[in-house]
């Protein structure tokens, strides 16, 4: 699949490469590949055309991957409010539900993610192995 995508990209004209939707898709792809969580989820929130619907098919895995990065590199704790904004949840309650479903470790007051303990959970999370089941009808 990656090779086919690369071949397709090589065959695009300069004019096609400059189209705003192509630029958006390439930025989305690049930010995901290099692990730029902030940029990826900002682009996801922008949600051009049907792109957000497509990403929704595998958003859980992307959030787990993002939590791997965040829990490894962001001190001892991260507020749930901040995580909710960073990972583009609709609201904080949805974020809390996700964290609970994925076995995150919270601080005693329940307001923050305990990063060190949660990293152990997300480092090899079983959801990363799940197959993508699309609900889209094309």
N, C-alpha and C. Protein backbone atom coordinates (compact mmCIF):
# COMPACT_ATOMS: atom_id res chain seq x y z
N UNK A 1 0.83 -1.19 0.00
CA UNK A 1 0.00 0.00 0.00
C UNK A 1 0.87 1.26 0.00
N UNK A 2 1.91 1.26 0.86
CA UNK A 2 2.78 2.43 0.94
C UNK A 2 3.47 2.68 -0.40
N UNK A 3 3.91 1.58 -1.06
CA UNK A 3 4.58 1.73 -2.34
C UNK A 3 3.62 2.28 -3.38
N UNK A 4 2.37 1.81 -3.37
CA UNK A 4 1.38 2.32 -4.32
C UNK A 4 1.13 3.80 -4.10
N UNK A 5 1.08 4.21 -2.85
CA UNK A 5 0.86 5.61 -2.53
C UNK A 5 2.05 6.44 -3.00
N UNK A 6 3.25 5.94 -2.77
CA UNK A 6 4.44 6.66 -3.22
C UNK A 6 4.47 6.79 -4.75
N UNK A 7 4.09 5.73 -5.46
CA UNK A 7 4.02 5.80 -6.93
C UNK A 7 3.01 6.84 -7.37
N UNK A 8 1.86 6.84 -6.72
CA UNK A 8 0.82 7.81 -7.04
C UNK A 8 1.33 9.23 -6.82
N UNK A 9 2.00 9.46 -5.72
CA UNK A 9 2.52 10.80 -5.42
C UNK A 9 3.56 11.24 -6.43
N UNK A 10 4.38 10.30 -6.88
CA UNK A 10 5.41 10.64 -7.87
C UNK A 10 4.81 11.04 -9.21
N UNK A 11 3.59 10.58 -9.49
CA UNK A 11 2.96 10.88 -10.77
C UNK A 11 2.11 12.14 -10.76
N UNK A 12 2.00 12.79 -9.60
CA UNK A 12 1.22 14.02 -9.54
C UNK A 12 1.98 15.17 -10.19
N UNK A 13 1.25 16.02 -10.87
CA UNK A 13 1.86 17.20 -11.47
C UNK A 13 2.11 18.24 -10.38
N UNK A 14 2.92 19.24 -10.71
CA UNK A 14 3.17 20.33 -9.77
C UNK A 14 1.88 21.04 -9.39
N UNK A 15 1.01 21.22 -10.38
CA UNK A 15 -0.27 21.89 -10.12
C UNK A 15 -1.11 21.07 -9.14
N UNK A 16 -1.14 19.75 -9.34
CA UNK A 16 -1.89 18.87 -8.43
C UNK A 16 -1.30 18.89 -7.02
N UNK A 17 0.04 18.91 -6.93
CA UNK A 17 0.71 18.93 -5.64
C UNK A 17 0.45 20.23 -4.87
N UNK A 18 0.11 21.29 -5.58
CA UNK A 18 -0.15 22.58 -4.95
C UNK A 18 -1.61 22.75 -4.54
N UNK A 19 -2.47 21.83 -4.95
CA UNK A 19 -3.90 21.93 -4.60
C UNK A 19 -4.04 21.83 -3.09
N UNK A 20 -4.90 22.67 -2.50
CA UNK A 20 -5.02 22.74 -1.04
C UNK A 20 -5.43 21.41 -0.40
N UNK A 21 -6.23 20.61 -1.07
CA UNK A 21 -6.63 19.32 -0.50
C UNK A 21 -5.47 18.33 -0.51
N UNK A 22 -4.64 18.38 -1.54
CA UNK A 22 -3.47 17.50 -1.61
C UNK A 22 -2.46 17.93 -0.55
N UNK A 23 -2.26 19.23 -0.41
CA UNK A 23 -1.34 19.75 0.61
C UNK A 23 -1.82 19.32 2.00
N UNK A 24 -3.13 19.42 2.23
CA UNK A 24 -3.71 19.01 3.51
C UNK A 24 -3.45 17.52 3.77
N UNK A 25 -3.74 16.68 2.80
CA UNK A 25 -3.56 15.24 2.95
C UNK A 25 -2.09 14.89 3.19
N UNK A 26 -1.19 15.54 2.47
CA UNK A 26 0.24 15.28 2.65
C UNK A 26 0.73 15.73 4.03
N UNK A 27 0.22 16.87 4.50
CA UNK A 27 0.58 17.34 5.84
C UNK A 27 0.07 16.39 6.91
N UNK A 28 -1.14 15.89 6.71
CA UNK A 28 -1.73 14.93 7.64
C UNK A 28 -0.88 13.66 7.69
N UNK A 29 -0.54 13.17 6.53
CA UNK A 29 0.28 11.95 6.42
C UNK A 29 1.65 12.14 7.07
N UNK A 30 2.29 13.27 6.75
CA UNK A 30 3.63 13.52 7.28
C UNK A 30 3.62 13.67 8.80
N UNK A 31 2.65 14.41 9.33
CA UNK A 31 2.60 14.61 10.78
C UNK A 31 2.36 13.29 11.50
N UNK A 32 1.59 12.40 10.91
CA UNK A 32 1.37 11.08 11.50
C UNK A 32 2.64 10.25 11.45
N UNK A 33 3.32 10.25 10.32
CA UNK A 33 4.54 9.45 10.16
C UNK A 33 5.65 9.86 11.12
N UNK A 34 5.81 11.16 11.34
CA UNK A 34 6.90 11.61 12.21
C UNK A 34 6.49 11.72 13.67
N UNK A 35 5.21 11.46 13.96
CA UNK A 35 4.75 11.48 15.34
C UNK A 35 4.50 12.87 15.89
N UNK A 36 4.18 13.82 15.01
CA UNK A 36 3.85 15.17 15.46
C UNK A 36 2.37 15.19 15.87
N UNK A 37 2.14 14.80 17.11
CA UNK A 37 0.78 14.63 17.63
C UNK A 37 -0.02 15.92 17.54
N UNK A 38 0.55 17.01 17.96
CA UNK A 38 -0.17 18.29 17.97
C UNK A 38 -0.63 18.68 16.56
N UNK A 39 0.28 18.62 15.61
CA UNK A 39 -0.07 19.00 14.24
C UNK A 39 -1.11 18.05 13.65
N UNK A 40 -0.93 16.74 13.88
CA UNK A 40 -1.87 15.76 13.33
C UNK A 40 -3.29 16.03 13.82
N UNK A 41 -3.45 16.17 15.14
CA UNK A 41 -4.80 16.34 15.68
C UNK A 41 -5.38 17.72 15.38
N UNK A 42 -4.52 18.73 15.18
CA UNK A 42 -5.03 20.03 14.72
C UNK A 42 -5.59 19.90 13.30
N UNK A 43 -4.88 19.18 12.46
CA UNK A 43 -5.37 18.95 11.09
C UNK A 43 -6.65 18.10 11.12
N UNK A 44 -6.70 17.11 11.99
CA UNK A 44 -7.89 16.27 12.14
C UNK A 44 -9.09 17.12 12.53
N UNK A 45 -8.89 18.05 13.46
CA UNK A 45 -9.99 18.94 13.89
C UNK A 45 -10.48 19.80 12.74
N UNK A 46 -9.55 20.18 11.87
CA UNK A 46 -9.91 20.99 10.70
C UNK A 46 -10.86 20.20 9.79
N UNK A 47 -10.63 18.91 9.70
CA UNK A 47 -11.52 17.97 9.03
C UNK A 47 -12.01 18.33 7.65
N UNK A 48 -11.12 18.52 6.73
CA UNK A 48 -11.51 18.84 5.35
C UNK A 48 -12.37 17.74 4.74
N UNK A 49 -13.42 18.15 4.10
CA UNK A 49 -14.31 17.27 3.35
C UNK A 49 -14.67 16.02 4.17
N UNK A 50 -14.40 14.86 3.66
CA UNK A 50 -14.75 13.61 4.34
C UNK A 50 -13.54 13.00 5.06
N UNK A 51 -12.46 13.73 5.12
CA UNK A 51 -11.22 13.20 5.68
C UNK A 51 -11.39 12.78 7.14
N UNK A 52 -12.07 13.58 7.94
CA UNK A 52 -12.26 13.23 9.35
C UNK A 52 -13.05 11.93 9.49
N UNK A 53 -14.01 11.72 8.59
CA UNK A 53 -14.77 10.48 8.64
C UNK A 53 -13.89 9.27 8.37
N UNK A 54 -12.96 9.41 7.46
CA UNK A 54 -12.03 8.33 7.16
C UNK A 54 -11.11 8.08 8.36
N UNK A 55 -10.59 9.14 8.94
CA UNK A 55 -9.70 9.00 10.09
C UNK A 55 -10.43 8.38 11.27
N UNK A 56 -11.72 8.67 11.41
CA UNK A 56 -12.51 8.10 12.51
C UNK A 56 -12.48 6.57 12.51
N UNK A 57 -12.22 5.97 11.36
CA UNK A 57 -12.16 4.51 11.28
C UNK A 57 -10.99 3.94 12.09
N UNK A 58 -9.96 4.73 12.29
CA UNK A 58 -8.81 4.24 13.04
C UNK A 58 -8.30 5.25 14.07
N UNK A 59 -9.20 6.14 14.53
CA UNK A 59 -8.80 7.18 15.48
C UNK A 59 -8.33 6.60 16.82
N UNK A 60 -8.93 5.50 17.26
CA UNK A 60 -8.52 4.92 18.55
C UNK A 60 -7.05 4.51 18.52
N UNK A 61 -6.63 3.86 17.45
CA UNK A 61 -5.22 3.46 17.33
C UNK A 61 -4.30 4.66 17.28
N UNK A 62 -4.73 5.71 16.58
CA UNK A 62 -3.91 6.92 16.51
C UNK A 62 -3.79 7.59 17.87
N UNK A 63 -4.87 7.57 18.63
CA UNK A 63 -4.82 8.15 19.98
C UNK A 63 -3.93 7.33 20.90
N UNK A 64 -3.98 6.01 20.78
CA UNK A 64 -3.09 5.16 21.59
C UNK A 64 -1.64 5.47 21.24
N UNK A 65 -1.36 5.57 19.95
CA UNK A 65 0.01 5.90 19.52
C UNK A 65 0.45 7.26 20.06
N UNK A 66 -0.48 8.22 20.02
CA UNK A 66 -0.18 9.56 20.55
C UNK A 66 0.07 9.49 22.06
N UNK A 67 -0.71 8.68 22.76
CA UNK A 67 -0.51 8.54 24.21
C UNK A 67 0.82 7.87 24.53
N UNK A 68 1.30 6.99 23.66
CA UNK A 68 2.64 6.43 23.84
C UNK A 68 3.68 7.55 23.85
N UNK A 69 3.55 8.44 22.88
CA UNK A 69 4.50 9.56 22.75
C UNK A 69 4.36 10.51 23.93
N UNK A 70 3.13 10.90 24.25
CA UNK A 70 2.90 11.88 25.31
C UNK A 70 3.32 11.36 26.69
N UNK A 71 3.00 10.11 26.98
CA UNK A 71 3.33 9.58 28.31
C UNK A 71 4.83 9.33 28.47
N UNK A 72 5.52 9.16 27.37
CA UNK A 72 6.96 8.93 27.44
C UNK A 72 7.73 10.25 27.61
N UNK A 73 7.20 11.32 27.02
CA UNK A 73 8.00 12.54 26.97
C UNK A 73 7.47 13.74 27.73
N UNK A 74 6.41 13.61 28.52
CA UNK A 74 5.82 14.79 29.15
C UNK A 74 5.76 14.70 30.66
N UNK A 75 6.88 14.59 31.32
CA UNK A 75 6.93 14.67 32.78
C UNK A 75 6.16 13.56 33.48
N UNK A 76 5.77 13.82 34.73
CA UNK A 76 5.14 12.77 35.52
C UNK A 76 3.64 12.70 35.37
N UNK A 77 2.99 13.80 34.94
CA UNK A 77 1.54 13.75 34.75
C UNK A 77 1.08 14.75 33.70
N UNK A 78 -0.08 14.45 33.12
CA UNK A 78 -0.69 15.33 32.11
C UNK A 78 -2.16 15.47 32.46
N UNK A 79 -2.66 16.71 32.45
CA UNK A 79 -4.06 16.91 32.83
C UNK A 79 -4.99 16.33 31.77
N UNK A 80 -6.10 15.81 32.22
CA UNK A 80 -7.07 15.22 31.31
C UNK A 80 -7.66 16.30 30.41
N UNK A 81 -7.81 17.51 30.93
CA UNK A 81 -8.30 18.63 30.11
C UNK A 81 -7.36 18.85 28.92
N UNK A 82 -6.06 18.87 29.19
CA UNK A 82 -5.06 19.08 28.15
C UNK A 82 -5.06 17.93 27.15
N UNK A 83 -5.13 16.69 27.64
CA UNK A 83 -5.16 15.52 26.76
C UNK A 83 -6.39 15.57 25.87
N UNK A 84 -7.52 15.94 26.45
CA UNK A 84 -8.77 16.04 25.69
C UNK A 84 -8.64 17.01 24.52
N UNK A 85 -8.02 18.15 24.78
CA UNK A 85 -7.81 19.14 23.72
C UNK A 85 -6.78 18.66 22.71
N UNK A 86 -5.67 18.13 23.22
CA UNK A 86 -4.57 17.71 22.36
C UNK A 86 -4.99 16.60 21.39
N UNK A 87 -5.78 15.64 21.87
CA UNK A 87 -6.14 14.49 21.05
C UNK A 87 -7.52 14.63 20.40
N UNK A 88 -8.02 15.85 20.38
CA UNK A 88 -9.24 16.22 19.64
C UNK A 88 -10.48 15.41 20.03
N UNK A 89 -10.65 15.21 21.33
CA UNK A 89 -11.90 14.60 21.79
C UNK A 89 -12.99 15.66 21.73
N UNK A 90 -14.23 15.23 21.59
CA UNK A 90 -15.35 16.18 21.54
C UNK A 90 -15.50 16.93 22.85
N UNK A 91 -15.22 16.22 23.95
CA UNK A 91 -15.30 16.84 25.27
C UNK A 91 -14.46 16.01 26.25
N UNK A 92 -14.34 16.55 27.45
CA UNK A 92 -13.51 15.90 28.46
C UNK A 92 -14.09 14.56 28.90
N UNK A 93 -15.40 14.45 28.93
CA UNK A 93 -16.04 13.20 29.34
C UNK A 93 -15.72 12.07 28.36
N UNK A 94 -15.72 12.37 27.07
CA UNK A 94 -15.35 11.38 26.06
C UNK A 94 -13.90 10.94 26.26
N UNK A 95 -13.04 11.89 26.60
CA UNK A 95 -11.63 11.58 26.86
C UNK A 95 -11.50 10.66 28.07
N UNK A 96 -12.20 10.96 29.14
CA UNK A 96 -12.16 10.13 30.35
C UNK A 96 -12.63 8.70 30.05
N UNK A 97 -13.69 8.60 29.27
CA UNK A 97 -14.22 7.28 28.90
C UNK A 97 -13.16 6.49 28.13
N UNK A 98 -12.52 7.14 27.17
CA UNK A 98 -11.47 6.51 26.37
C UNK A 98 -10.32 6.05 27.26
N UNK A 99 -9.88 6.92 28.16
CA UNK A 99 -8.76 6.58 29.04
C UNK A 99 -9.12 5.38 29.93
N UNK A 100 -10.35 5.34 30.40
CA UNK A 100 -10.79 4.22 31.23
C UNK A 100 -10.81 2.93 30.41
N UNK A 101 -11.35 3.00 29.19
CA UNK A 101 -11.44 1.82 28.32
C UNK A 101 -10.06 1.27 27.95
N UNK A 102 -9.08 2.17 27.90
CA UNK A 102 -7.73 1.75 27.50
C UNK A 102 -6.82 1.47 28.68
N UNK A 103 -7.41 1.42 29.89
CA UNK A 103 -6.69 1.06 31.12
C UNK A 103 -5.62 2.07 31.53
N UNK A 104 -5.84 3.34 31.24
CA UNK A 104 -4.90 4.38 31.66
C UNK A 104 -4.84 4.44 33.18
N UNK A 105 -3.70 4.88 33.68
CA UNK A 105 -3.53 5.06 35.12
C UNK A 105 -3.64 6.55 35.42
N UNK A 106 -4.60 6.90 36.26
CA UNK A 106 -4.81 8.30 36.63
C UNK A 106 -4.18 8.60 37.98
N UNK A 107 -3.97 9.88 38.24
CA UNK A 107 -3.48 10.28 39.56
C UNK A 107 -4.59 10.08 40.58
N UNK A 108 -4.26 10.19 41.85
CA UNK A 108 -5.23 9.93 42.91
C UNK A 108 -6.49 10.78 42.80
N UNK A 109 -6.34 12.04 42.42
CA UNK A 109 -7.50 12.92 42.32
C UNK A 109 -8.31 12.69 41.03
N UNK A 110 -7.78 11.87 40.12
CA UNK A 110 -8.48 11.54 38.89
C UNK A 110 -8.48 12.63 37.84
N UNK A 111 -7.69 13.67 38.05
CA UNK A 111 -7.67 14.81 37.13
C UNK A 111 -6.53 14.77 36.12
N UNK A 112 -5.59 13.86 36.35
CA UNK A 112 -4.42 13.79 35.48
C UNK A 112 -4.09 12.34 35.13
N UNK A 113 -3.42 12.20 34.01
CA UNK A 113 -2.89 10.91 33.60
C UNK A 113 -1.52 10.76 34.25
N UNK A 114 -1.30 9.64 34.93
CA UNK A 114 0.02 9.34 35.50
C UNK A 114 0.88 8.81 34.35
N UNK A 115 1.75 9.65 33.83
CA UNK A 115 2.46 9.33 32.59
C UNK A 115 3.34 8.09 32.67
N UNK A 116 4.17 8.00 33.69
CA UNK A 116 5.10 6.88 33.78
C UNK A 116 4.36 5.54 33.84
N UNK A 117 3.33 5.48 34.68
CA UNK A 117 2.56 4.25 34.83
C UNK A 117 1.74 3.96 33.57
N UNK A 118 1.21 5.00 32.97
CA UNK A 118 0.39 4.83 31.77
C UNK A 118 1.24 4.46 30.56
N UNK A 119 2.48 4.92 30.53
CA UNK A 119 3.35 4.55 29.41
C UNK A 119 3.49 3.03 29.33
N UNK A 120 3.60 2.39 30.48
CA UNK A 120 3.70 0.93 30.51
C UNK A 120 2.46 0.28 29.89
N UNK A 121 1.31 0.90 30.09
CA UNK A 121 0.05 0.39 29.52
C UNK A 121 0.04 0.58 28.01
N UNK A 122 0.47 1.76 27.55
CA UNK A 122 0.36 2.09 26.13
C UNK A 122 1.52 1.60 25.27
N UNK A 123 2.63 1.24 25.90
CA UNK A 123 3.81 0.83 25.14
C UNK A 123 3.53 -0.31 24.17
N UNK A 124 2.71 -1.25 24.59
CA UNK A 124 2.38 -2.39 23.72
C UNK A 124 0.89 -2.69 23.86
N UNK A 125 0.09 -1.67 23.69
CA UNK A 125 -1.36 -1.80 23.91
C UNK A 125 -1.99 -2.74 22.88
N UNK A 126 -2.90 -3.62 23.32
CA UNK A 126 -3.53 -4.57 22.39
C UNK A 126 -4.36 -3.91 21.29
N UNK A 127 -4.85 -2.70 21.51
CA UNK A 127 -5.64 -2.03 20.47
C UNK A 127 -4.81 -1.71 19.24
N UNK A 128 -3.50 -1.63 19.41
CA UNK A 128 -2.63 -1.36 18.27
C UNK A 128 -2.61 -2.53 17.30
N UNK A 129 -3.01 -3.70 17.77
CA UNK A 129 -3.02 -4.90 16.94
C UNK A 129 -4.38 -5.13 16.26
N UNK A 130 -5.39 -4.36 16.67
CA UNK A 130 -6.74 -4.58 16.14
C UNK A 130 -6.80 -4.23 14.66
N UNK A 131 -7.59 -5.01 13.94
CA UNK A 131 -7.83 -4.72 12.54
C UNK A 131 -8.82 -3.59 12.44
N UNK A 132 -8.68 -2.82 11.40
CA UNK A 132 -9.59 -1.69 11.18
C UNK A 132 -10.85 -2.22 10.51
N UNK A 133 -11.96 -1.98 11.13
CA UNK A 133 -13.23 -2.37 10.56
C UNK A 133 -13.97 -1.09 10.19
N UNK A 134 -14.16 -0.89 8.92
CA UNK A 134 -14.78 0.35 8.50
C UNK A 134 -16.30 0.20 8.51
N UNK A 135 -16.94 1.29 8.85
CA UNK A 135 -18.39 1.35 8.85
C UNK A 135 -18.88 2.21 7.70
N UNK A 136 -17.95 2.61 6.87
CA UNK A 136 -18.31 3.48 5.76
C UNK A 136 -18.84 2.66 4.60
N UNK A 137 -19.83 3.19 3.95
CA UNK A 137 -20.38 2.57 2.74
C UNK A 137 -20.07 3.51 1.58
N UNK A 138 -19.29 3.01 0.67
CA UNK A 138 -18.89 3.84 -0.46
C UNK A 138 -19.67 3.44 -1.69
